[in-house]
Amino acid sequence: MTASIDADPGKESAARAAALLVESGMTVGLGTGSTVAHLLPALAERQLDIVCVATSPGTANAARPLGLRVEDFDKISRIDLTIDGADQVDPKSWLVKGGGGAHTREKIVAAATDRFVVIVSSEKVVDRIAAPIPLELLEFGLAATIAHLGDVRLRDVPRSPDNGLIADYYGAIDDPAAAAALLAGVPGVVGHGLFSPDMVSDVIIGSADGVEHRAGPHMRAGG
């Protein structure tokens, strides 16, 4: 679910910079988490004619009272721009997402968008991706799934928006691509929180001193 707004100048500056990328007539994907909590009022203040797709019920419930129009994803044919946060961003634009447990929906929306913009505060920028990696797991066969994965710890939190169990993988992440393939290949894993750089168009990093824009691989490829 989308967190309440905290007093983090980095998150706020990144969110406000991303809100300026939105134009009237766009369909906009809204992510989930504490940085997106700053994005919603910044976007609402602009009073644009836009349609939004929310990645979680929490985001939808926070966006609508602000005057943002949120539609069912199944009614949307394309998404122009999605803005979402991340728990880790490495120099190659690999992401770890899922602190809020909505990473499966977040990945579906990000993959369906023309431009995926990531907003983070500066402390989320890392030299290399490291555990934990969020997981969404089916309850059916859970013991077998965990035995296959190895070092996995279930979170004592509500289920995902689609009733999957939320867990974290604590195995070594020597190569994010290899880890993503391993996690995706295990039956019982609904989704994992590793997002490939080829999804990322732009990373906006906020701090008390302002914002830094990094073009992601998807943007450099002209996406």
Protein backbone atom coordinates (compact mmCIF):
# COMPACT_ATOMS: atom_id res chain seq x y z
CA MET A 1 0.00 0.00 0.00
CA THR A 2 1.10 3.62 -0.48
CA ALA A 3 2.73 4.95 2.67
CA SER A 4 1.87 8.20 4.41
CA ILE A 5 3.99 11.18 3.42
CA ASP A 6 7.25 11.46 5.35
CA ALA A 7 9.47 14.53 5.68
CA ASP A 8 12.18 13.42 3.25
CA PRO A 9 13.44 16.25 1.00
CA GLY A 10 15.07 13.79 -1.40
CA LYS A 11 11.85 11.90 -2.02
CA GLU A 12 9.88 15.12 -2.40
CA SER A 13 12.32 16.72 -4.85
CA ALA A 14 12.46 13.58 -7.01
CA ALA A 15 8.66 13.29 -6.99
CA ARG A 16 8.12 16.91 -7.94
CA ALA A 17 10.63 16.66 -10.78
CA ALA A 18 8.83 13.59 -12.12
CA ALA A 19 5.42 15.28 -11.87
CA LEU A 20 6.68 17.90 -14.32
CA LEU A 21 7.15 15.19 -16.97
CA VAL A 22 3.41 14.55 -17.09
CA GLU A 23 1.34 16.33 -19.75
CA SER A 24 -2.39 16.69 -20.28
CA GLY A 25 -3.85 13.86 -22.32
CA MET A 26 -1.47 11.25 -20.92
CA THR A 27 -2.33 7.94 -19.31
CA VAL A 28 -0.06 7.67 -16.27
CA GLY A 29 0.92 4.63 -14.21
CA LEU A 30 1.21 5.36 -10.49
CA GLY A 31 3.54 3.22 -8.42
CA THR A 32 3.36 2.28 -4.76
CA GLY A 33 5.40 3.36 -1.76
CA SER A 34 6.68 6.29 0.27
CA THR A 35 8.20 8.22 -2.64
CA VAL A 36 5.01 7.90 -4.69
CA ALA A 37 3.19 9.33 -1.67
CA HIS A 38 5.02 12.58 -2.46
CA LEU A 39 4.22 12.27 -6.18
CA LEU A 40 0.43 12.15 -5.83
CA PRO A 41 -0.12 15.65 -4.37
CA ALA A 42 2.55 17.11 -6.68
CA LEU A 43 0.71 15.65 -9.66
CA ALA A 44 -2.71 16.71 -8.38
CA GLU A 45 -1.51 20.29 -7.94
CA ARG A 46 -0.92 20.55 -11.69
CA GLN A 47 -4.62 19.93 -12.44
CA LEU A 48 -3.89 18.12 -15.71
CA ASP A 49 -6.38 16.21 -17.82
CA ILE A 50 -4.91 12.74 -17.30
CA VAL A 51 -6.05 9.19 -16.64
CA CYS A 52 -4.15 7.12 -14.07
CA VAL A 53 -3.58 3.42 -13.50
CA ALA A 54 -2.70 2.48 -9.91
CA THR A 55 -0.40 -0.40 -9.01
CA SER A 56 -2.12 -1.03 -5.68
CA PRO A 57 -5.42 -0.34 -3.94
CA GLY A 58 -3.52 1.88 -1.51
CA THR A 59 -2.31 4.12 -4.32
CA ALA A 60 -5.77 4.28 -5.88
CA ASN A 61 -7.35 5.16 -2.54
CA ALA A 62 -4.79 7.92 -1.94
CA ALA A 63 -5.01 9.35 -5.49
CA ARG A 64 -8.78 9.66 -5.91
CA PRO A 65 -9.44 12.08 -3.00
CA LEU A 66 -6.80 14.38 -4.51
CA GLY A 67 -8.83 14.63 -7.72
CA LEU A 68 -6.74 12.22 -9.80
CA ARG A 69 -8.82 10.05 -12.13
CA VAL A 70 -7.92 6.39 -11.60
CA GLU A 71 -9.27 3.80 -14.02
CA ASP A 72 -9.25 0.00 -14.04
CA PHE A 73 -6.14 -1.23 -15.87
CA ASP A 74 -8.29 -3.53 -18.02
CA LYS A 75 -9.97 -0.45 -19.51
CA ILE A 76 -6.64 1.07 -20.60
CA SER A 77 -5.13 0.30 -24.02
CA ARG A 78 -1.73 1.93 -23.43
CA ILE A 79 0.22 3.79 -20.75
CA ASP A 80 2.33 6.78 -21.76
CA LEU A 81 4.36 7.20 -18.57
CA THR A 82 4.71 5.28 -15.33
CA ILE A 83 6.36 6.79 -12.26
CA ASP A 84 7.41 4.57 -9.37
CA GLY A 85 9.96 4.34 -6.61
CA ALA A 86 12.61 1.72 -5.86
CA ASP A 87 14.39 0.23 -2.85
CA GLN A 88 17.74 -0.06 -4.67
CA VAL A 89 19.15 1.34 -7.93
CA ASP A 90 22.58 0.25 -9.17
CA PRO A 91 24.83 1.99 -11.75
CA LYS A 92 23.40 -0.11 -14.60
CA SER A 93 19.81 0.73 -13.57
CA TRP A 94 18.97 -2.66 -12.11
CA LEU A 95 16.23 -2.07 -9.56
CA VAL A 96 14.98 -3.78 -6.44
CA LYS A 97 11.33 -3.05 -5.74
CA GLY A 98 8.70 -4.53 -3.49
CA GLY A 99 9.15 -2.97 -0.09
CA GLY A 100 5.41 -2.38 -0.13
CA GLY A 101 4.60 -5.85 -1.46
CA ALA A 102 3.07 -4.67 -4.76
CA HIS A 103 6.01 -5.55 -7.02
CA THR A 104 4.09 -7.99 -9.23
CA ARG A 105 1.54 -5.35 -10.18
CA GLU A 106 4.27 -2.72 -10.42
CA LYS A 107 6.20 -4.85 -12.90
CA ILE A 108 3.10 -5.53 -15.02
CA VAL A 109 2.35 -1.81 -15.27
CA ALA A 110 5.99 -0.87 -15.91
CA ALA A 111 6.26 -3.43 -18.71
CA ALA A 112 3.13 -2.01 -20.36
CA THR A 113 4.28 1.61 -20.39
CA ASP A 114 6.07 3.60 -23.07
CA ARG A 115 8.30 5.35 -20.52
CA PHE A 116 9.12 4.07 -17.04
CA VAL A 117 10.53 6.74 -14.71
CA VAL A 118 12.03 5.74 -11.36
CA ILE A 119 12.09 8.23 -8.50
CA VAL A 120 14.35 7.68 -5.50
CA SER A 121 16.12 9.56 -2.76
CA SER A 122 19.91 9.46 -2.89
CA GLU A 123 20.29 6.77 -0.19
CA LYS A 124 18.57 4.26 -2.49
CA VAL A 125 21.48 4.42 -4.96
CA VAL A 126 23.83 1.47 -4.41
CA ASP A 127 27.09 0.23 -5.92
CA ARG A 128 25.64 -3.25 -6.38
CA ILE A 129 22.33 -5.00 -5.83
CA ALA A 130 22.13 -6.98 -2.59
CA ALA A 131 19.61 -9.07 -0.69
CA PRO A 132 16.87 -8.99 0.38
CA ILE A 133 14.89 -9.37 -2.85
CA PRO A 134 11.11 -9.18 -2.33
CA LEU A 135 9.02 -12.11 -3.53
CA GLU A 136 5.35 -12.82 -3.98
CA LEU A 137 4.61 -16.52 -3.44
CA LEU A 138 1.63 -18.78 -3.95
CA GLU A 139 0.40 -20.36 -0.76
CA PHE A 140 -0.13 -23.68 -2.56
CA GLY A 141 3.05 -25.76 -2.27
CA LEU A 142 4.70 -23.06 -0.16
CA ALA A 143 7.04 -25.41 1.71
CA ALA A 144 8.30 -26.90 -1.57
CA THR A 145 8.81 -23.44 -3.07
CA ILE A 146 10.82 -22.24 -0.09
CA ALA A 147 12.89 -25.44 -0.07
CA HIS A 148 13.72 -24.88 -3.73
CA LEU A 149 14.70 -21.23 -3.21
CA GLY A 150 16.76 -21.71 -0.06
CA ASP A 151 17.14 -18.68 2.20
CA VAL A 152 13.65 -17.17 2.09
CA ARG A 153 11.85 -15.48 4.96
CA LEU A 154 8.12 -14.83 4.99
CA ARG A 155 7.08 -11.36 6.08
CA ASP A 156 4.54 -10.88 8.83
CA VAL A 157 2.55 -8.43 6.68
CA PRO A 158 -0.76 -8.43 4.79
CA ARG A 159 -0.90 -10.37 1.54
CA SER A 160 -0.27 -8.71 -1.80
CA PRO A 161 -3.16 -6.99 -3.64
CA ASP A 162 -3.72 -10.35 -5.38
CA ASN A 163 -3.47 -12.42 -2.17
CA GLY A 164 0.04 -13.71 -2.69
CA LEU A 165 2.28 -14.21 0.35
CA ILE A 166 5.07 -11.64 0.67
CA ALA A 167 8.58 -12.89 1.42
CA ASP A 168 12.23 -11.90 0.96
CA TYR A 169 15.05 -13.83 -0.68
CA TYR A 170 18.38 -13.58 1.14
CA GLY A 171 20.59 -15.58 -1.20
CA ALA A 172 23.71 -14.12 -2.79
CA ILE A 173 23.17 -11.72 -5.71
CA ASP A 174 26.44 -12.03 -7.63
CA ASP A 175 24.71 -11.28 -10.95
CA PRO A 176 21.26 -9.62 -10.95
CA ALA A 177 20.34 -11.10 -14.33
CA ALA A 178 21.17 -14.62 -13.18
CA ALA A 179 19.32 -14.09 -9.89
CA ALA A 180 16.25 -12.78 -11.74
CA ALA A 181 16.24 -15.83 -14.01
CA LEU A 182 16.63 -18.18 -11.04
CA LEU A 183 13.76 -16.61 -9.10
CA ALA A 184 11.47 -16.40 -12.12
CA GLY A 185 12.09 -20.05 -12.92
CA VAL A 186 10.87 -21.44 -9.60
CA PRO A 187 7.25 -22.67 -9.68
CA GLY A 188 5.34 -20.98 -6.89
CA VAL A 189 7.06 -17.61 -7.34
CA VAL A 190 4.37 -15.25 -8.60
CA GLY A 191 6.79 -12.37 -8.96
CA HIS A 192 10.15 -11.08 -7.75
CA GLY A 193 11.41 -7.58 -7.09
CA LEU A 194 14.34 -7.47 -9.51
CA PHE A 195 13.56 -5.11 -12.40
CA SER A 196 15.76 -5.27 -15.49
CA PRO A 197 17.50 -2.10 -16.77
CA ASP A 198 15.88 -2.53 -20.18
CA MET A 199 12.58 -1.47 -18.57
CA VAL A 200 13.99 1.80 -17.22
CA SER A 201 13.75 5.04 -19.22
CA ASP A 202 14.86 7.53 -16.58
CA VAL A 203 16.03 7.59 -12.98
CA ILE A 204 15.44 10.77 -10.97
CA ILE A 205 17.53 10.92 -7.80
CA GLY A 206 16.52 13.48 -5.21
CA SER A 207 18.48 14.96 -2.34
CA ALA A 208 18.33 18.06 -0.16
CA ASP A 209 20.50 19.76 -2.81
CA GLY A 210 18.22 19.07 -5.77
CA VAL A 211 17.79 16.33 -8.36
CA GLU A 212 19.99 14.29 -10.67
CA HIS A 213 18.58 12.77 -13.87
CA ARG A 214 20.05 9.54 -15.22
CA ALA A 215 18.91 8.24 -18.60
CA GLY A 216 18.13 4.54 -18.32
CA PRO A 217 18.97 1.96 -20.99
CA HIS A 218 15.42 2.01 -22.36
CA MET A 219 15.66 5.77 -22.98
CA ARG A 220 19.11 5.48 -24.55
CA ALA A 221 17.66 2.90 -26.93
CA GLY A 222 15.05 5.45 -27.95
CA GLY A 223 12.15 3.92 -25.97
